[in-house]
Amino acid sequence: MTIYTNGDVVLNYDVEGDGFPVLAIAPGGMRSINTAWDPLAWSPQKILSDQYRVIGMDQRNAGLSRAPISSTDSWATYTSDQLSLLDHLEIESCHLFGMCIGGPYIASLLKTAPERFRSAVMLQPVGIEDNRSALEDMFDQWSEAISDEHPEADEADWASFRTNMWGGEFLLAATPDEIASMQTPLLVMMGDDLYHPRSTSLEIAELAPQATLVQRWKDDAVIDETIATIRSFLAEHSPS
């Protein structure tokens, strides 16, 4: 892993493979770290690094990445980190590949800098459907675990940060109208549990004009087909 420092933000990242770049945003909620991909059959490092340059990162205050906590921290704060890392690596254009919390992160990137992304793969994106308390509990567990490392933040700062992240609706980082306006090709692998509601994936696929939905993709019986679908989708949208 490599460390990139941008002011008071320290981001831990890794690069594997060679070719057109893919920014991989790992699952894990607020604990999104690059090594979370390791045990997964659809790890981008495993299935893509033979043809692509896969950039994985620990999000701020997860794994080895660090940053101050502020009451204004939000999805946009993480988007700024992700774009800053791409700038540091001199990557002007790439694919996006994200799971769980990676769905909202991808949505935020696509509404902020759509010209930089050729396509995006969302695996079981997190969203809101009678599960807000579970998502807030996840945030609280993470914040309690690291609060001693952040004397700069008081209870009000943490509360505001939590609302900024998990107080929204739908896909959290983007509204239905914003998703409907996105022209980036999307491959949506459907979620189907408390944190990754089926309804979120279905609505993204219905709204986004260039979205493809895959409903069955995690079963052992279809893993090879899932990997082939992802590789074919990215190849279709990669520069020749």
C-alpha atoms as a PDB file:
ATOM      1  CA  MET A   1       0.000   0.000   0.000  1.00  0.00           C
ATOM      2  CA  THR A   2       1.019   3.602  -0.614  1.00  0.00           C
ATOM      3  CA  ILE A   3       0.285   6.760   1.346  1.00  0.00           C
ATOM      4  CA  TYR A   4      -0.938   9.958  -0.318  1.00  0.00           C
ATOM      5  CA  THR A   5      -1.064  13.098   1.828  1.00  0.00           C
ATOM      6  CA  ASN A   6      -3.269  16.027   0.843  1.00  0.00           C
ATOM      7  CA  GLY A   7      -3.080  18.715   3.525  1.00  0.00           C
ATOM      8  CA  ASP A   8      -4.354  17.115   6.720  1.00  0.00           C
ATOM      9  CA  VAL A   9      -5.849  14.130   4.884  1.00  0.00           C
ATOM     10  CA  VAL A  10      -3.825  10.918   4.645  1.00  0.00           C
ATOM     11  CA  LEU A  11      -5.128   8.300   2.199  1.00  0.00           C
ATOM     12  CA  ASN A  12      -3.882   4.745   2.008  1.00  0.00           C
ATOM     13  CA  TYR A  13      -4.182   3.190  -1.449  1.00  0.00           C
ATOM     14  CA  ASP A  14      -2.876   0.431  -3.672  1.00  0.00           C
ATOM     15  CA  VAL A  15      -2.518  -0.052  -7.405  1.00  0.00           C
ATOM     16  CA  GLU A  16      -2.600  -3.472  -9.067  1.00  0.00           C
ATOM     17  CA  GLY A  17      -2.356  -4.367 -12.735  1.00  0.00           C
ATOM     18  CA  ASP A  18      -1.903  -2.289 -15.847  1.00  0.00           C
ATOM     19  CA  GLY A  19      -4.265  -0.894 -18.448  1.00  0.00           C
ATOM     20  CA  PHE A  20      -7.231   1.479 -18.394  1.00  0.00           C
ATOM     21  CA  PRO A  21      -7.808   2.486 -14.753  1.00  0.00           C
ATOM     22  CA  VAL A  22     -10.617   1.340 -12.455  1.00  0.00           C
ATOM     23  CA  LEU A  23     -11.242   3.088  -9.128  1.00  0.00           C
ATOM     24  CA  ALA A  24     -12.486   0.415  -6.708  1.00  0.00           C
ATOM     25  CA  ILE A  25     -14.523   1.517  -3.690  1.00  0.00           C
ATOM     26  CA  ALA A  26     -14.800  -1.295  -1.165  1.00  0.00           C
ATOM     27  CA  PRO A  27     -17.764  -2.404   0.961  1.00  0.00           C
ATOM     28  CA  GLY A  28     -17.867  -2.038   4.732  1.00  0.00           C
ATOM     29  CA  GLY A  29     -19.896   1.095   5.378  1.00  0.00           C
ATOM     30  CA  MET A  30     -17.831   3.699   7.218  1.00  0.00           C
ATOM     31  CA  ARG A  31     -15.111   1.033   7.498  1.00  0.00           C
ATOM     32  CA  SER A  32     -14.613   0.840   3.725  1.00  0.00           C
ATOM     33  CA  ILE A  33     -11.046  -0.450   3.275  1.00  0.00           C
ATOM     34  CA  ASN A  34      -9.320  -1.919   0.256  1.00  0.00           C
ATOM     35  CA  THR A  35      -8.608  -5.297   1.901  1.00  0.00           C
ATOM     36  CA  ALA A  36     -12.373  -5.854   2.299  1.00  0.00           C
ATOM     37  CA  TRP A  37     -12.302  -7.057  -1.315  1.00  0.00           C
ATOM     38  CA  ASP A  38      -9.867  -9.895  -0.571  1.00  0.00           C
ATOM     39  CA  PRO A  39     -12.294 -12.737   0.297  1.00  0.00           C
ATOM     40  CA  LEU A  40     -14.850 -11.877  -2.396  1.00  0.00           C
ATOM     41  CA  ALA A  41     -15.080 -13.849  -5.633  1.00  0.00           C
ATOM     42  CA  TRP A  42     -15.816 -10.627  -7.541  1.00  0.00           C
ATOM     43  CA  SER A  43     -12.885  -8.696  -6.075  1.00  0.00           C
ATOM     44  CA  PRO A  44     -11.819  -6.218  -8.773  1.00  0.00           C
ATOM     45  CA  GLN A  45      -8.187  -6.974  -8.013  1.00  0.00           C
ATOM     46  CA  LYS A  46      -8.820 -10.674  -8.743  1.00  0.00           C
ATOM     47  CA  ILE A  47     -11.015 -10.360 -11.811  1.00  0.00           C
ATOM     48  CA  LEU A  48      -9.721  -7.192 -13.477  1.00  0.00           C
ATOM     49  CA  SER A  49      -6.026  -6.596 -12.744  1.00  0.00           C
ATOM     50  CA  ASP A  50      -4.972  -8.785 -15.683  1.00  0.00           C
ATOM     51  CA  GLN A  51      -6.379  -6.136 -18.040  1.00  0.00           C
ATOM     52  CA  TYR A  52      -6.920  -2.999 -15.959  1.00  0.00           C
ATOM     53  CA  ARG A  53      -5.069  -0.760 -13.539  1.00  0.00           C
ATOM     54  CA  VAL A  54      -7.104  -1.248 -10.352  1.00  0.00           C
ATOM     55  CA  ILE A  55      -6.829   1.523  -7.734  1.00  0.00           C
ATOM     56  CA  GLY A  56      -8.153   0.547  -4.307  1.00  0.00           C
ATOM     57  CA  MET A  57      -8.206   2.812  -1.266  1.00  0.00           C
ATOM     58  CA  ASP A  58      -9.060   3.018   2.415  1.00  0.00           C
ATOM     59  CA  GLN A  59     -11.643   5.770   2.841  1.00  0.00           C
ATOM     60  CA  ARG A  60     -10.794   8.501   5.344  1.00  0.00           C
ATOM     61  CA  ASN A  61     -10.718   7.299   8.956  1.00  0.00           C
ATOM     62  CA  ALA A  62     -10.881   3.659   7.878  1.00  0.00           C
ATOM     63  CA  GLY A  63      -7.943   1.306   7.760  1.00  0.00           C
ATOM     64  CA  LEU A  64      -4.757   3.348   7.479  1.00  0.00           C
ATOM     65  CA  SER A  65      -6.387   6.520   6.106  1.00  0.00           C
ATOM     66  CA  ARG A  66      -6.839   9.499   8.429  1.00  0.00           C
ATOM     67  CA  ALA A  67      -8.500  12.922   8.379  1.00  0.00           C
ATOM     68  CA  PRO A  68      -9.979  15.364  10.898  1.00  0.00           C
ATOM     69  CA  ILE A  69     -13.675  15.038  11.753  1.00  0.00           C
ATOM     70  CA  SER A  70     -15.916  18.021  11.049  1.00  0.00           C
ATOM     71  CA  SER A  71     -19.608  18.797  11.414  1.00  0.00           C
ATOM     72  CA  THR A  72     -19.659  19.489   7.658  1.00  0.00           C
ATOM     73  CA  ASP A  73     -18.257  16.100   6.640  1.00  0.00           C
ATOM     74  CA  SER A  74     -20.571  14.490   4.087  1.00  0.00           C
ATOM     75  CA  TRP A  75     -20.650  12.394   0.925  1.00  0.00           C
ATOM     76  CA  ALA A  76     -19.078  15.364  -0.861  1.00  0.00           C
ATOM     77  CA  THR A  77     -16.099  15.208   1.511  1.00  0.00           C
ATOM     78  CA  TYR A  78     -15.369  11.640   0.454  1.00  0.00           C
ATOM     79  CA  THR A  79     -15.921  12.542  -3.192  1.00  0.00           C
ATOM     80  CA  SER A  80     -13.265  15.221  -2.838  1.00  0.00           C
ATOM     81  CA  ASP A  81     -10.829  12.635  -1.440  1.00  0.00           C
ATOM     82  CA  GLN A  82     -11.509  10.221  -4.284  1.00  0.00           C
ATOM     83  CA  LEU A  83     -11.090  12.862  -6.983  1.00  0.00           C
ATOM     84  CA  SER A  84      -7.956  14.162  -5.284  1.00  0.00           C
ATOM     85  CA  LEU A  85      -6.427  10.688  -5.365  1.00  0.00           C
ATOM     86  CA  LEU A  86      -7.213  10.361  -9.082  1.00  0.00           C
ATOM     87  CA  ASP A  87      -5.595  13.766  -9.662  1.00  0.00           C
ATOM     88  CA  HIS A  88      -2.537  12.667  -7.679  1.00  0.00           C
ATOM     89  CA  LEU A  89      -2.257   9.571  -9.899  1.00  0.00           C
ATOM     90  CA  GLU A  90      -2.777  11.753 -12.994  1.00  0.00           C
ATOM     91  CA  ILE A  91      -5.855   9.759 -13.999  1.00  0.00           C
ATOM     92  CA  GLU A  92      -8.161  11.876 -16.129  1.00  0.00           C
ATOM     93  CA  SER A  93     -10.628   9.114 -17.010  1.00  0.00           C
ATOM     94  CA  CYS A  94     -11.483   5.732 -15.502  1.00  0.00           C
ATOM     95  CA  HIS A  95     -14.182   3.215 -14.652  1.00  0.00           C
ATOM     96  CA  LEU A  96     -15.812   3.017 -11.211  1.00  0.00           C
ATOM     97  CA  PHE A  97     -16.401  -0.224  -9.317  1.00  0.00           C
ATOM     98  CA  GLY A  98     -18.091  -0.069  -5.923  1.00  0.00           C
ATOM     99  CA  MET A  99     -19.970  -2.294  -3.517  1.00  0.00           C
ATOM    100  CA  CYS A 100     -22.342  -1.432  -0.652  1.00  0.00           C
ATOM    101  CA  ILE A 101     -21.413   2.123   0.386  1.00  0.00           C
ATOM    102  CA  GLY A 102     -19.614   2.275  -2.956  1.00  0.00           C
ATOM    103  CA  GLY A 103     -23.018   2.823  -4.582  1.00  0.00           C
ATOM    104  CA  PRO A 104     -23.628   6.266  -3.047  1.00  0.00           C
ATOM    105  CA  TYR A 105     -19.943   7.133  -3.474  1.00  0.00           C
ATOM    106  CA  ILE A 106     -20.232   6.330  -7.176  1.00  0.00           C
ATOM    107  CA  ALA A 107     -23.433   8.377  -7.482  1.00  0.00           C
ATOM    108  CA  SER A 108     -21.717  11.354  -5.867  1.00  0.00           C
ATOM    109  CA  LEU A 109     -18.734  11.052  -8.213  1.00  0.00           C
ATOM    110  CA  LEU A 110     -20.987  10.811 -11.266  1.00  0.00           C
ATOM    111  CA  LYS A 111     -22.973  13.910 -10.373  1.00  0.00           C
ATOM    112  CA  THR A 112     -19.816  15.859  -9.451  1.00  0.00           C
ATOM    113  CA  ALA A 113     -17.468  14.988 -12.324  1.00  0.00           C
ATOM    114  CA  PRO A 114     -19.340  12.852 -14.890  1.00  0.00           C
ATOM    115  CA  GLU A 115     -16.844  13.645 -17.629  1.00  0.00           C
ATOM    116  CA  ARG A 116     -14.152  11.650 -15.832  1.00  0.00           C
ATOM    117  CA  PHE A 117     -15.891   8.275 -15.791  1.00  0.00           C
ATOM    118  CA  ARG A 118     -16.503   5.914 -18.703  1.00  0.00           C
ATOM    119  CA  SER A 119     -18.777   3.532 -16.789  1.00  0.00           C
ATOM    120  CA  ALA A 120     -19.648   2.338 -13.293  1.00  0.00           C
ATOM    121  CA  VAL A 121     -20.390  -1.007 -11.661  1.00  0.00           C
ATOM    122  CA  MET A 122     -22.567  -0.880  -8.517  1.00  0.00           C
ATOM    123  CA  LEU A 123     -22.739  -4.090  -6.495  1.00  0.00           C
ATOM    124  CA  GLN A 124     -25.684  -4.147  -4.027  1.00  0.00           C
ATOM    125  CA  PRO A 125     -25.733  -0.375  -3.400  1.00  0.00           C
ATOM    126  CA  VAL A 126     -26.752   0.734   0.081  1.00  0.00           C
ATOM    127  CA  GLY A 127     -29.982   2.725   0.260  1.00  0.00           C
ATOM    128  CA  ILE A 128     -32.885   3.747   2.464  1.00  0.00           C
ATOM    129  CA  GLU A 129     -35.901   1.486   2.987  1.00  0.00           C
ATOM    130  CA  ASP A 130     -37.066   1.153   6.606  1.00  0.00           C
ATOM    131  CA  ASN A 131     -33.439   0.641   7.638  1.00  0.00           C
ATOM    132  CA  ARG A 132     -32.227   4.077   8.698  1.00  0.00           C
ATOM    133  CA  SER A 133     -31.741   3.061  12.327  1.00  0.00           C
ATOM    134  CA  ALA A 134     -29.551   0.124  11.265  1.00  0.00           C
ATOM    135  CA  LEU A 135     -27.397   2.420   9.135  1.00  0.00           C
ATOM    136  CA  GLU A 136     -27.149   4.975  11.930  1.00  0.00           C
ATOM    137  CA  ASP A 137     -26.195   2.208  14.375  1.00  0.00           C
ATOM    138  CA  MET A 138     -23.414   1.210  11.994  1.00  0.00           C
ATOM    139  CA  PHE A 139     -22.177   4.807  11.975  1.00  0.00           C
ATOM    140  CA  ASP A 140     -22.356   5.035  15.778  1.00  0.00           C
ATOM    141  CA  GLN A 141     -20.332   1.848  16.241  1.00  0.00           C
ATOM    142  CA  TRP A 142     -17.649   3.186  13.917  1.00  0.00           C
ATOM    143  CA  SER A 143     -17.578   6.647  15.494  1.00  0.00           C
ATOM    144  CA  GLU A 144     -17.382   5.254  19.023  1.00  0.00           C
ATOM    145  CA  ALA A 145     -14.441   3.090  18.017  1.00  0.00           C
ATOM    146  CA  ILE A 146     -12.393   6.033  16.734  1.00  0.00           C
ATOM    147  CA  SER A 147     -13.687   8.976  18.774  1.00  0.00           C
ATOM    148  CA  ASP A 148     -10.653   8.965  21.099  1.00  0.00           C
ATOM    149  CA  GLU A 149      -8.475   9.624  18.057  1.00  0.00           C
ATOM    150  CA  HIS A 150     -10.463  12.786  17.237  1.00  0.00           C
ATOM    151  CA  PRO A 151     -10.449  15.262  20.113  1.00  0.00           C
ATOM    152  CA  GLU A 152     -11.274  17.980  17.571  1.00  0.00           C
ATOM    153  CA  ALA A 153     -14.842  16.625  17.281  1.00  0.00           C
ATOM    154  CA  ASP A 154     -17.548  16.948  19.936  1.00  0.00           C
ATOM    155  CA  GLU A 155     -20.920  15.204  20.137  1.00  0.00           C
ATOM    156  CA  ALA A 156     -22.571  17.863  17.990  1.00  0.00           C
ATOM    157  CA  ASP A 157     -19.952  17.394  15.253  1.00  0.00           C
ATOM    158  CA  TRP A 158     -20.490  13.624  15.182  1.00  0.00           C
ATOM    159  CA  ALA A 159     -24.267  14.044  15.154  1.00  0.00           C
ATOM    160  CA  SER A 160     -24.144  16.482  12.247  1.00  0.00           C
ATOM    161  CA  PHE A 161     -21.756  14.206  10.336  1.00  0.00           C
ATOM    162  CA  ARG A 162     -24.083  11.224  10.848  1.00  0.00           C
ATOM    163  CA  THR A 163     -27.069  13.200   9.559  1.00  0.00           C
ATOM    164  CA  ASN A 164     -25.090  14.379   6.533  1.00  0.00           C
ATOM    165  CA  MET A 165     -24.290  10.782   5.622  1.00  0.00           C
ATOM    166  CA  TRP A 166     -27.410   8.836   6.620  1.00  0.00           C
ATOM    167  CA  GLY A 167     -30.209  11.396   6.930  1.00  0.00           C
ATOM    168  CA  GLY A 168     -31.166  11.398   3.274  1.00  0.00           C
ATOM    169  CA  GLU A 169     -33.455   9.199   1.186  1.00  0.00           C
ATOM    170  CA  PHE A 170     -33.130   6.734  -1.675  1.00  0.00           C
ATOM    171  CA  LEU A 171     -29.413   6.394  -2.567  1.00  0.00           C
ATOM    172  CA  LEU A 172     -28.411   9.035   0.025  1.00  0.00           C
ATOM    173  CA  ALA A 173     -25.785  10.813  -2.097  1.00  0.00           C
ATOM    174  CA  ALA A 174     -28.064  11.456  -5.087  1.00  0.00           C
ATOM    175  CA  THR A 175     -31.755  12.097  -5.638  1.00  0.00           C
ATOM    176  CA  PRO A 176     -33.924  10.190  -8.120  1.00  0.00           C
ATOM    177  CA  ASP A 177     -33.822  13.207 -10.460  1.00  0.00           C
ATOM    178  CA  GLU A 178     -30.023  13.266 -10.308  1.00  0.00           C
ATOM    179  CA  ILE A 179     -29.824   9.544 -11.113  1.00  0.00           C
ATOM    180  CA  ALA A 180     -32.263  10.046 -13.995  1.00  0.00           C
ATOM    181  CA  SER A 181     -29.982  12.715 -15.467  1.00  0.00           C
ATOM    182  CA  MET A 182     -26.830  10.558 -15.425  1.00  0.00           C
ATOM    183  CA  GLN A 183     -25.663   9.447 -18.852  1.00  0.00           C
ATOM    184  CA  THR A 184     -22.831   7.230 -17.622  1.00  0.00           C
ATOM    185  CA  PRO A 185     -23.389   3.523 -18.384  1.00  0.00           C
ATOM    186  CA  LEU A 186     -24.218   1.664 -15.149  1.00  0.00           C
ATOM    187  CA  LEU A 187     -24.149  -2.025 -14.322  1.00  0.00           C
ATOM    188  CA  VAL A 188     -26.275  -2.582 -11.208  1.00  0.00           C
ATOM    189  CA  MET A 189     -25.937  -5.892  -9.360  1.00  0.00           C
ATOM    190  CA  MET A 190     -29.080  -6.061  -7.240  1.00  0.00           C
ATOM    191  CA  GLY A 191     -29.019  -5.923  -3.452  1.00  0.00           C
ATOM    192  CA  ASP A 192     -31.468  -7.895  -1.350  1.00  0.00           C
ATOM    193  CA  ASP A 193     -30.944  -7.391   2.394  1.00  0.00           C
ATOM    194  CA  LEU A 194     -31.359  -4.874   5.209  1.00  0.00           C
ATOM    195  CA  TYR A 195     -28.463  -2.612   4.256  1.00  0.00           C
ATOM    196  CA  HIS A 196     -28.796  -3.047   0.489  1.00  0.00           C
ATOM    197  CA  PRO A 197     -32.529  -2.975  -0.300  1.00  0.00           C
ATOM    198  CA  ARG A 198     -33.807  -4.539  -3.488  1.00  0.00           C
ATOM    199  CA  SER A 199     -35.875  -1.384  -4.070  1.00  0.00           C
ATOM    200  CA  THR A 200     -32.782   0.832  -4.276  1.00  0.00           C
ATOM    201  CA  SER A 201     -31.191  -1.258  -7.023  1.00  0.00           C
ATOM    202  CA  LEU A 202     -34.474  -1.523  -8.931  1.00  0.00           C
ATOM    203  CA  GLU A 203     -35.071   2.221  -8.804  1.00  0.00           C
ATOM    204  CA  ILE A 204     -31.539   3.048  -9.944  1.00  0.00           C
ATOM    205  CA  ALA A 205     -31.924   0.660 -12.880  1.00  0.00           C
ATOM    206  CA  GLU A 206     -35.325   2.119 -13.768  1.00  0.00           C
ATOM    207  CA  LEU A 207     -34.206   5.750 -13.564  1.00  0.00           C
ATOM    208  CA  ALA A 208     -30.713   5.795 -15.052  1.00  0.00           C
ATOM    209  CA  PRO A 209     -30.988   5.980 -18.847  1.00  0.00           C
ATOM    210  CA  GLN A 210     -28.001   3.694 -19.487  1.00  0.00           C
ATOM    211  CA  ALA A 211     -28.410   1.185 -16.654  1.00  0.00           C
ATOM    212  CA  THR A 212     -28.320  -2.597 -16.866  1.00  0.00           C
ATOM    213  CA  LEU A 213     -29.700  -4.602 -13.920  1.00  0.00           C
ATOM    214  CA  VAL A 214     -28.480  -8.060 -12.939  1.00  0.00           C
ATOM    215  CA  GLN A 215     -30.787  -9.657 -10.374  1.00  0.00           C
ATOM    216  CA  ARG A 216     -29.005 -12.954  -9.677  1.00  0.00           C
ATOM    217  CA  TRP A 217     -25.247 -12.649  -9.363  1.00  0.00           C
ATOM    218  CA  LYS A 218     -23.968 -13.830  -5.935  1.00  0.00           C
ATOM    219  CA  ASP A 219     -24.907 -17.530  -5.984  1.00  0.00           C
ATOM    220  CA  ASP A 220     -22.029 -19.937  -6.434  1.00  0.00           C
ATOM    221  CA  ALA A 221     -23.764 -21.336  -9.502  1.00  0.00           C
ATOM    222  CA  VAL A 222     -23.558 -18.014 -11.362  1.00  0.00           C
ATOM    223  CA  ILE A 223     -20.248 -16.540 -10.136  1.00  0.00           C
ATOM    224  CA  ASP A 224     -18.447 -17.279 -13.408  1.00  0.00           C
ATOM    225  CA  GLU A 225     -21.288 -15.650 -15.347  1.00  0.00           C
ATOM    226  CA  THR A 226     -21.195 -12.629 -12.999  1.00  0.00           C
ATOM    227  CA  ILE A 227     -17.479 -12.146 -13.564  1.00  0.00           C
ATOM    228  CA  ALA A 228     -17.915 -12.507 -17.321  1.00  0.00           C
ATOM    229  CA  THR A 229     -20.738  -9.938 -17.277  1.00  0.00           C
ATOM    230  CA  ILE A 230     -18.605  -7.409 -15.384  1.00  0.00           C
ATOM    231  CA  ARG A 231     -15.624  -7.916 -17.674  1.00  0.00           C
ATOM    232  CA  SER A 232     -17.758  -7.635 -20.806  1.00  0.00           C
ATOM    233  CA  PHE A 233     -19.460  -4.467 -19.555  1.00  0.00           C
ATOM    234  CA  LEU A 234     -16.166  -2.723 -18.754  1.00  0.00           C
ATOM    235  CA  ALA A 235     -14.583  -3.853 -22.036  1.00  0.00           C
ATOM    236  CA  GLU A 236     -17.544  -2.412 -23.959  1.00  0.00           C
ATOM    237  CA  HIS A 237     -16.994   1.007 -22.382  1.00  0.00           C
ATOM    238  CA  SER A 238     -13.200   1.096 -22.340  1.00  0.00           C
ATOM    239  CA  PRO A 239     -11.326   3.192 -24.886  1.00  0.00           C
ATOM    240  CA  SER A 240     -10.086   1.181 -27.843  1.00  0.00           C
END
